[in-house]
C-alpha cells in the first residue's frame, strides 16, 4: 500500500494509450490502472480550471482509484471551488490512499492551514496518514512540529517510525545524530535500523562519528542491515577489510575487528571530501 501511495503522490508515469477527449471519459479511464490514472490526471490539469465542475463529482466515485486521481488533479488545479469538497473527502472517505493523496496534494493550495491540518493527522488512526502527515510537514519545513515528529520515531508502525526519522533529519540535520544512532542500534525492525543508517548520509555535516555507527551496524543481527552498513562504508571510506555478511561469523568478526582498528587509528584525522564523496584520512 505504501508503494502504491508513492506512485499516486509522486509518479511521473504516462499511459501508453491515448486518453479520452471528454472529461467523463477521462474520469472513467482512471479506474483501469494507475498508469491510466496518472495520464488522465495530467490531461485534466493541462485543460485548466474549466474542468473543475465536471471533475468534482468524481470525489464520490465508487472506485477508490478514480477518487484519488481525481483528487490529485483537483489539488493541482488549486481552484477554490474544490478546496472544501476536498477537505470533506479527506474527513469522510474510508480509503486511506484517497485520504493520503489529498493530504499531500493540498499543499498546492499554498495555505498555512494545510500544514496545521497535516499536524492534526499525526495522530490519525491509520499509519498511512500518519506517515504522509510527517512528509507534508517536512516538505513544508515546519520546524515548529519537530517535537511531534520526533515523538513518532517510537510509533507502533515501523513505516511511520522510518518516515518520522527521515523527516526529523530533514528538519534539524546534525542535531538529530544521537536520535539516528539510537534508532540504528535499538529499533526492533531491521528495515527501520537500515533506514537509520541511510539517514546518516542525509546529514549536512559529515562527521567521523558516522563511520563509527556504521561499523557497529556490521554486527547487527540482520543480514540486510549488515549489507547496508558494509555498502555504505565501502562507498564512504573506500575500505572494506573483506567484510561479507554471507561469510561465517568468525570471519565477519575478524573483519569487524579490522574496521574498528582502522577507525580508532584514523578517527581524529578523518575528513569528508565533497569532491570524492567519501571520508579521507588527512
Protein backbone atom coordinates (compact mmCIF):
# COMPACT_ATOMS: atom_id res chain seq x y z
CA UNK A 1 0.00 0.00 0.00
CA UNK A 2 2.84 2.38 0.80
CA UNK A 3 4.48 1.67 -2.54
CA UNK A 4 1.19 2.31 -4.34
CA UNK A 5 0.70 5.56 -2.48
CA UNK A 6 4.17 6.67 -3.51
CA UNK A 7 3.10 6.18 -7.11
CA UNK A 8 -0.05 8.19 -6.52
CA UNK A 9 1.75 11.04 -4.79
CA UNK A 10 4.91 11.42 -6.82
CA UNK A 11 4.76 9.38 -10.05
CA UNK A 12 5.63 10.88 -13.41
CA UNK A 13 4.40 7.97 -15.50
CA UNK A 14 2.43 8.21 -18.74
CA UNK A 15 -0.04 5.75 -20.20
CA UNK A 16 0.71 4.02 -23.47
CA UNK A 17 -2.83 4.55 -24.75
CA UNK A 18 -4.11 7.97 -25.76
CA UNK A 19 -6.58 9.28 -23.14
CA UNK A 20 -10.23 10.06 -23.99
CA UNK A 21 -11.06 13.59 -25.03
CA UNK A 22 -14.10 14.24 -22.78
CA UNK A 23 -13.87 14.83 -19.03
CA UNK A 24 -16.25 11.98 -18.06
CA UNK A 25 -14.26 9.66 -20.31
CA UNK A 26 -11.01 10.74 -18.66
CA UNK A 27 -12.52 10.11 -15.25
CA UNK A 28 -13.72 6.65 -16.26
CA UNK A 29 -10.28 5.80 -17.64
CA UNK A 30 -8.73 6.35 -14.21
CA UNK A 31 -10.31 3.15 -12.96
CA UNK A 32 -8.23 0.98 -15.30
CA UNK A 33 -4.87 1.25 -13.53
CA UNK A 34 -2.52 3.84 -12.04
CA UNK A 35 -0.78 4.46 -15.36
CA UNK A 36 -4.10 5.47 -16.88
CA UNK A 37 -4.99 7.40 -13.75
CA UNK A 38 -1.79 9.45 -13.93
CA UNK A 39 -2.29 10.14 -17.64
CA UNK A 40 -5.90 11.23 -17.12
CA UNK A 41 -4.99 13.47 -14.18
CA UNK A 42 -2.20 15.11 -16.18
CA UNK A 43 -4.54 15.72 -19.10
CA UNK A 44 -7.19 17.27 -16.87
CA UNK A 45 -4.64 19.59 -15.27
CA UNK A 46 -3.49 20.66 -18.74
CA UNK A 47 -7.04 21.67 -19.59
CA UNK A 48 -7.19 24.03 -16.65
CA UNK A 49 -9.77 25.11 -14.12
CA UNK A 50 -12.62 24.80 -16.59
CA UNK A 51 -12.82 21.08 -15.81
CA UNK A 52 -13.38 21.55 -12.07
CA UNK A 53 -17.20 21.49 -12.15
CA UNK A 54 -17.27 18.23 -14.10
CA UNK A 55 -14.47 16.70 -12.04
CA UNK A 56 -15.84 17.38 -8.55
CA UNK A 57 -18.44 14.55 -8.64
CA UNK A 58 -15.58 12.07 -9.15
CA UNK A 59 -14.66 12.58 -5.49
CA UNK A 60 -17.66 10.35 -4.73
CA UNK A 61 -16.98 7.73 -7.39
CA UNK A 62 -17.33 4.12 -6.14
CA UNK A 63 -13.78 3.29 -7.31
CA UNK A 64 -11.06 4.48 -4.90
CA UNK A 65 -8.58 4.84 -7.79
CA UNK A 66 -10.90 7.28 -9.53
CA UNK A 67 -11.33 9.23 -6.31
CA UNK A 68 -7.63 9.59 -5.55
CA UNK A 69 -6.56 10.51 -9.07
CA UNK A 70 -9.40 13.00 -9.36
CA UNK A 71 -8.44 14.46 -6.00
CA UNK A 72 -4.82 14.78 -7.13
CA UNK A 73 -5.93 16.63 -10.27
CA UNK A 74 -8.23 18.96 -8.35
CA UNK A 75 -5.49 19.82 -5.87
CA UNK A 76 -3.02 20.52 -8.67
CA UNK A 77 -5.54 22.87 -10.28
CA UNK A 78 -5.84 24.66 -6.89
CA UNK A 79 -9.28 26.07 -7.68
CA UNK A 80 -11.03 27.43 -4.60
CA UNK A 81 -14.27 25.70 -5.59
CA UNK A 82 -12.58 22.37 -4.90
CA UNK A 83 -10.97 23.20 -1.57
CA UNK A 84 -13.89 22.48 0.77
CA UNK A 85 -15.05 19.37 -1.13
CA UNK A 86 -11.50 18.03 -0.86
CA UNK A 87 -11.48 18.69 2.90
CA UNK A 88 -14.83 16.94 3.20
CA UNK A 89 -13.49 13.93 1.31
CA UNK A 90 -10.37 13.87 3.46
CA UNK A 91 -12.58 13.77 6.54
CA UNK A 92 -15.13 11.19 5.39
CA UNK A 93 -13.52 8.87 2.84
CA UNK A 94 -12.87 5.37 4.15
CA UNK A 95 -9.95 4.59 1.85
CA UNK A 96 -6.52 5.53 3.27
CA UNK A 97 -4.90 6.11 -0.15
CA UNK A 98 -7.62 8.60 -1.08
CA UNK A 99 -7.10 10.46 2.16
CA UNK A 100 -3.30 10.35 1.97
CA UNK A 101 -3.37 11.63 -1.61
CA UNK A 102 -5.50 14.60 -0.61
CA UNK A 103 -3.39 15.35 2.46
CA UNK A 104 -0.22 15.53 0.35
CA UNK A 105 -1.62 17.38 -2.65
CA UNK A 106 -3.43 20.04 -0.62
CA UNK A 107 -0.05 21.76 -0.50
CA UNK A 108 -0.84 23.07 -3.99
CA UNK A 109 -3.28 25.49 -2.36
CA UNK A 110 -0.39 27.33 -0.63
CA UNK A 111 -2.22 27.77 2.67
CA UNK A 112 -0.64 27.59 6.10
CA UNK A 113 -3.72 25.81 7.38
CA UNK A 114 -2.80 22.83 5.19
CA UNK A 115 0.18 22.22 7.46
CA UNK A 116 -1.96 22.62 10.55
CA UNK A 117 -4.26 20.01 9.04
CA UNK A 118 -1.30 17.70 8.49
CA UNK A 119 -0.22 18.21 12.10
CA UNK A 120 -3.63 17.02 13.27
CA UNK A 121 -3.20 13.86 11.22
CA UNK A 122 -0.01 12.96 13.06
CA UNK A 123 -2.38 11.21 15.45
CA UNK A 124 -4.53 9.62 12.75
CA UNK A 125 -5.67 6.07 13.45
CA UNK A 126 -4.28 4.94 10.09
CA UNK A 127 -0.47 4.65 9.89
CA UNK A 128 -0.53 5.63 6.21
CA UNK A 129 -1.99 9.00 7.13
CA UNK A 130 0.44 9.48 10.00
CA UNK A 131 3.34 8.80 7.65
CA UNK A 132 2.16 11.19 4.96
CA UNK A 133 1.37 13.86 7.54
CA UNK A 134 5.01 13.66 8.61
CA UNK A 135 6.13 14.04 4.98
CA UNK A 136 3.90 17.08 4.44
CA UNK A 137 5.34 18.83 7.48
CA UNK A 138 8.90 18.02 6.46
CA UNK A 139 8.24 19.23 2.93
CA UNK A 140 6.89 22.48 4.34
CA UNK A 141 9.91 22.83 6.64
CA UNK A 142 7.63 23.07 9.65
CA UNK A 143 10.27 23.00 12.38
CA UNK A 144 7.64 24.07 14.88
CA UNK A 145 6.33 20.48 14.65
CA UNK A 146 9.73 18.85 15.12
CA UNK A 147 8.99 17.59 18.63
CA UNK A 148 5.78 15.93 17.45
CA UNK A 149 7.62 14.29 14.57
CA UNK A 150 10.44 13.04 16.78
CA UNK A 151 7.83 11.50 19.08
CA UNK A 152 6.66 9.37 16.16
CA UNK A 153 10.08 7.70 15.89
CA UNK A 154 8.66 5.38 18.58
CA UNK A 155 5.34 4.83 16.79
CA UNK A 156 3.99 1.27 16.78
CA UNK A 157 4.16 1.17 12.98
CA UNK A 158 7.69 0.71 11.54
CA UNK A 159 6.88 2.67 8.39
CA UNK A 160 5.82 5.67 10.45
CA UNK A 161 8.96 5.39 12.59
CA UNK A 162 11.11 5.44 9.49
CA UNK A 163 9.25 8.39 7.93
CA UNK A 164 9.48 10.32 11.19
CA UNK A 165 13.23 9.81 11.46
CA UNK A 166 13.82 10.94 7.87
CA UNK A 167 11.65 14.00 8.46
CA UNK A 168 13.45 14.85 11.71
CA UNK A 169 16.78 14.78 9.89
CA UNK A 170 15.40 16.90 7.06
CA UNK A 171 14.20 19.48 9.57
CA UNK A 172 17.06 19.51 12.07
CA UNK A 173 20.09 17.97 10.38
CA UNK A 174 23.03 17.07 12.60
CA UNK A 175 21.10 17.89 15.74
CA UNK A 176 19.40 14.52 15.22
CA UNK A 177 22.61 12.47 15.12
CA UNK A 178 22.04 10.94 18.57
CA UNK A 179 18.48 10.02 17.56
CA UNK A 180 19.73 8.32 14.40
CA UNK A 181 22.31 6.40 16.42
CA UNK A 182 19.65 5.32 18.91
CA UNK A 183 17.27 4.09 16.20
CA UNK A 184 20.08 2.34 14.31
CA UNK A 185 21.02 0.33 17.39
CA UNK A 186 17.75 -0.23 19.26
CA UNK A 187 14.75 -0.28 16.91
CA UNK A 188 13.07 -3.68 16.74
CA UNK A 189 12.56 -3.61 12.97
CA UNK A 190 15.60 -4.26 10.73
CA UNK A 191 14.20 -2.09 7.93
CA UNK A 192 13.97 0.86 10.31
CA UNK A 193 17.52 0.24 11.53
CA UNK A 194 18.69 0.12 7.92
CA UNK A 195 16.77 3.33 7.22
CA UNK A 196 18.57 4.98 10.12
CA UNK A 197 21.93 4.13 8.54
CA UNK A 198 20.79 5.77 5.33
CA UNK A 199 19.69 8.83 7.31
CA UNK A 200 23.34 9.30 8.25
CA UNK A 201 24.02 10.10 4.58
CA UNK A 202 21.43 12.92 4.75
CA UNK A 203 23.29 14.83 7.45
CA UNK A 204 24.58 18.13 6.05
CA UNK A 205 27.79 17.92 8.07
CA UNK A 206 29.60 14.62 7.66
CA UNK A 207 31.49 13.86 10.87
CA UNK A 208 33.72 10.81 11.54
CA UNK A 209 31.23 9.53 14.12
CA UNK A 210 29.04 8.50 11.19
CA UNK A 211 31.61 5.85 10.32
CA UNK A 212 31.58 4.54 13.88
CA UNK A 213 27.81 3.99 13.80
CA UNK A 214 28.06 2.14 10.50
CA UNK A 215 30.88 -0.08 11.78
CA UNK A 216 28.77 -1.02 14.77
CA UNK A 217 25.94 -1.96 12.40
CA UNK A 218 28.19 -4.58 10.79
CA UNK A 219 27.39 -6.68 13.85
CA UNK A 220 23.61 -6.22 13.52
CA UNK A 221 21.52 -9.43 13.80
CA UNK A 222 20.01 -8.74 10.37
CA UNK A 223 21.99 -9.64 7.27
CA UNK A 224 20.19 -6.88 5.36
CA UNK A 225 21.40 -4.29 7.87
CA UNK A 226 24.91 -5.73 7.72
CA UNK A 227 24.84 -5.49 3.93
CA UNK A 228 23.64 -1.89 4.00
CA UNK A 229 26.32 -0.94 6.52
CA UNK A 230 29.08 -2.64 4.51
CA UNK A 231 27.92 -0.98 1.29
CA UNK A 232 27.75 2.48 2.84
CA UNK A 233 31.13 2.06 4.49
CA UNK A 234 32.76 0.94 1.24
CA UNK A 235 31.34 3.95 -0.59
CA UNK A 236 32.07 6.36 2.23
CA UNK A 237 35.63 5.32 3.06
CA UNK A 238 36.95 3.31 0.11
CA UNK A 239 37.71 0.49 2.58
CA UNK A 240 36.17 -2.97 3.05
CA UNK A 241 38.55 -5.22 5.03
CA UNK A 242 36.89 -8.21 3.39
CA UNK A 243 33.64 -7.96 5.32
CA UNK A 244 30.93 -10.12 3.76
CA UNK A 245 27.61 -10.83 5.54
CA UNK A 246 27.50 -14.24 3.81
CA UNK A 247 30.73 -15.42 5.43
CA UNK A 248 30.90 -17.37 8.70
CA UNK A 249 30.58 -15.42 11.94
CA UNK A 250 34.23 -15.88 12.81
CA UNK A 251 35.35 -14.28 9.53
CA UNK A 252 32.84 -11.45 9.93
CA UNK A 253 34.08 -10.77 13.46
CA UNK A 254 37.67 -10.65 12.20
CA UNK A 255 36.74 -8.10 9.51
CA UNK A 256 34.82 -6.01 12.07
CA UNK A 257 37.88 -6.02 14.34
CA UNK A 258 39.94 -4.70 11.43
CA UNK A 259 37.36 -2.00 10.83
CA UNK A 260 37.46 -1.00 14.49
CA UNK A 261 41.25 -0.85 14.50
CA UNK A 262 41.32 1.29 11.35
CA UNK A 263 38.67 3.61 12.78
CA UNK A 264 40.47 4.07 16.09
CA UNK A 265 43.72 4.84 14.28
CA UNK A 266 42.18 7.33 11.85
CA UNK A 267 39.16 8.85 13.58
CA UNK A 268 40.95 12.02 14.62
CA UNK A 269 42.06 12.78 11.06
CA UNK A 270 39.04 11.60 9.06
CA UNK A 271 37.54 14.41 6.98
CA UNK A 272 34.72 14.33 4.47
CA UNK A 273 35.82 15.14 0.92
CA UNK A 274 32.94 16.69 -1.00
CA UNK A 275 34.60 16.07 -4.34
CA UNK A 276 35.29 12.39 -3.72
CA UNK A 277 32.08 11.94 -1.73
CA UNK A 278 33.83 9.97 0.98
CA UNK A 279 35.90 10.24 4.16
CA UNK A 280 39.65 10.60 3.75
CA UNK A 281 42.28 10.28 6.47
CA UNK A 282 44.17 13.58 6.23
